[in-house]
Amino acid sequence: PDVNPGNCWAFRGSQGFAVIRLSSIIRPTAVTLEHIPKSLSPQGTIPSAPKDFAVYGLKEEREEEGLLLGQFTYNHNSNPIQTFYLESDAVGTYQLVELRVLSNWGHPEYTCIYRFRVHGELA
């Protein structure tokens, strides 16, 4: 993927969500969130990176509240590609996964996501 500054999925403010339909029904085991490294940012900072986020499994598109699979913090001072492991006790099988961004690292206008991946085993 293109990880040049600005080539991201951006949404207004510090909170937002995306529902992803996977190609198959899986038992999710982890998610990976990616942002650009500070070294590629023209300002040397990445305040538009997500900070706190949650991942939900949904059984159908119209479902308002899925099952919480995990809540995590993206570390803007660490590797730009970070993998977060889901609690295996609570995980079922899903074809729909919701990424819910709860905050960012301080940008007042928008939040950027460069790549979000869901890892798992075929159901």
Protein backbone atom coordinates (compact mmCIF):
# COMPACT_ATOMS: atom_id res chain seq x y z
CA PRO A 1 0.00 0.00 0.00
CA ASP A 2 0.93 3.62 -0.48
CA VAL A 3 2.05 5.01 2.87
CA ASN A 4 3.01 8.48 1.73
CA PRO A 5 1.80 11.25 4.07
CA GLY A 6 -1.86 12.03 3.38
CA ASN A 7 -2.65 8.85 1.43
CA CYS A 8 -4.88 7.48 4.15
CA TRP A 9 -8.50 6.94 5.09
CA ALA A 10 -9.18 10.16 6.97
CA PHE A 11 -12.25 11.09 8.95
CA ARG A 12 -13.27 14.31 10.64
CA GLY A 13 -12.46 14.67 14.33
CA SER A 14 -10.89 12.19 16.72
CA GLN A 15 -13.66 9.57 16.76
CA GLY A 16 -14.98 7.43 13.93
CA PHE A 17 -15.65 3.90 12.82
CA ALA A 18 -15.49 1.58 9.83
CA VAL A 19 -17.19 -1.76 9.33
CA ILE A 20 -15.18 -4.21 7.24
CA ARG A 21 -16.72 -7.18 5.43
CA LEU A 22 -14.16 -9.96 5.26
CA SER A 23 -13.99 -12.31 2.27
CA SER A 24 -14.77 -15.31 4.50
CA ILE A 25 -16.15 -16.06 7.94
CA ILE A 26 -13.22 -16.28 10.33
CA ARG A 27 -12.35 -16.65 13.98
CA PRO A 28 -10.36 -13.42 14.47
CA THR A 29 -7.12 -13.72 16.44
CA ALA A 30 -5.47 -10.31 15.97
CA VAL A 31 -5.67 -6.97 14.19
CA THR A 32 -2.91 -4.79 12.77
CA LEU A 33 -3.15 -1.01 12.60
CA GLU A 34 -0.75 1.03 10.50
CA HIS A 35 0.12 4.73 10.32
CA ILE A 36 3.11 6.50 8.77
CA PRO A 37 6.25 6.74 10.90
CA LYS A 38 7.16 10.12 12.40
CA SER A 39 10.23 10.17 10.12
CA LEU A 40 7.95 10.45 7.03
CA SER A 41 5.80 13.22 8.49
CA PRO A 42 6.70 16.72 7.25
CA GLN A 43 6.36 18.02 10.84
CA GLY A 44 8.10 15.04 12.47
CA THR A 45 4.95 14.26 14.50
CA ILE A 46 1.85 12.15 13.85
CA PRO A 47 -1.00 13.69 15.88
CA SER A 48 -3.54 12.34 13.35
CA ALA A 49 -2.66 8.74 14.28
CA PRO A 50 -5.37 6.82 16.16
CA LYS A 51 -4.72 6.49 19.88
CA ASP A 52 -7.40 4.46 21.65
CA PHE A 53 -9.52 2.09 19.58
CA ALA A 54 -11.83 -0.89 19.96
CA VAL A 55 -12.59 -3.84 17.70
CA TYR A 56 -16.03 -5.47 17.53
CA GLY A 57 -17.31 -8.59 15.81
CA LEU A 58 -20.69 -8.23 14.09
CA LYS A 59 -23.04 -11.01 13.01
CA GLU A 60 -24.96 -8.82 10.52
CA GLU A 61 -24.65 -5.35 8.99
CA ARG A 62 -27.66 -3.86 10.78
CA GLU A 63 -26.36 -4.90 14.19
CA GLU A 64 -25.87 -1.74 16.27
CA GLU A 65 -23.57 -3.16 18.93
CA GLY A 66 -21.36 -6.14 18.18
CA LEU A 67 -19.28 -8.18 20.60
CA LEU A 68 -16.25 -6.31 21.93
CA LEU A 69 -13.18 -8.30 20.84
CA GLY A 70 -10.64 -5.96 22.37
CA GLN A 71 -9.73 -2.39 23.26
CA PHE A 72 -6.22 -1.15 22.54
CA THR A 73 -3.88 1.84 22.35
CA TYR A 74 -1.78 2.55 19.28
CA ASN A 75 1.65 3.78 20.44
CA HIS A 76 2.70 6.71 18.25
CA ASN A 77 6.29 6.41 19.55
CA SER A 78 6.66 2.79 18.46
CA ASN A 79 6.72 0.81 15.22
CA PRO A 80 4.25 2.28 12.67
CA ILE A 81 2.83 -1.23 12.05
CA GLN A 82 1.39 -2.61 15.31
CA THR A 83 -0.41 -5.91 15.90
CA PHE A 84 -2.87 -6.40 18.75
CA TYR A 85 -3.99 -9.86 19.88
CA LEU A 86 -7.63 -10.52 20.71
CA GLU A 87 -8.80 -12.32 23.82
CA SER A 88 -9.46 -15.86 22.63
CA ASP A 89 -12.15 -16.51 25.28
CA ALA A 90 -14.61 -13.96 23.87
CA VAL A 91 -13.99 -14.50 20.17
CA GLY A 92 -16.62 -16.15 17.95
CA THR A 93 -16.81 -16.36 14.18
CA TYR A 94 -17.47 -13.24 12.10
CA GLN A 95 -17.48 -11.93 8.58
CA LEU A 96 -17.98 -8.33 9.74
CA VAL A 97 -15.50 -6.50 11.96
CA GLU A 98 -15.87 -2.94 13.22
CA LEU A 99 -12.89 -0.71 13.94
CA ARG A 100 -14.01 2.03 16.32
CA VAL A 101 -11.47 4.83 16.88
CA LEU A 102 -12.08 6.46 20.27
CA SER A 103 -9.33 9.12 20.21
CA ASN A 104 -6.25 10.29 18.31
CA TRP A 105 -2.87 11.69 19.35
CA GLY A 106 -4.06 15.30 19.38
CA HIS A 107 -4.96 16.44 15.87
CA PRO A 108 -7.99 18.74 16.29
CA GLU A 109 -9.43 18.30 12.79
CA TYR A 110 -9.01 14.71 11.60
CA THR A 111 -7.70 11.19 12.18
CA CYS A 112 -5.88 9.07 9.56
CA ILE A 113 -5.68 5.32 9.16
CA TYR A 114 -3.23 4.02 6.60
CA ARG A 115 -4.01 0.31 6.88
CA PHE A 116 -6.11 -1.97 9.06
CA ARG A 117 -5.83 -5.75 8.85
CA VAL A 118 -7.78 -8.52 10.52
CA HIS A 119 -5.99 -11.83 11.15
CA GLY A 120 -7.70 -15.10 11.94
CA GLU A 121 -8.51 -18.69 11.12
CA LEU A 122 -11.14 -19.79 8.63
CA ALA A 123 -14.30 -20.94 10.38
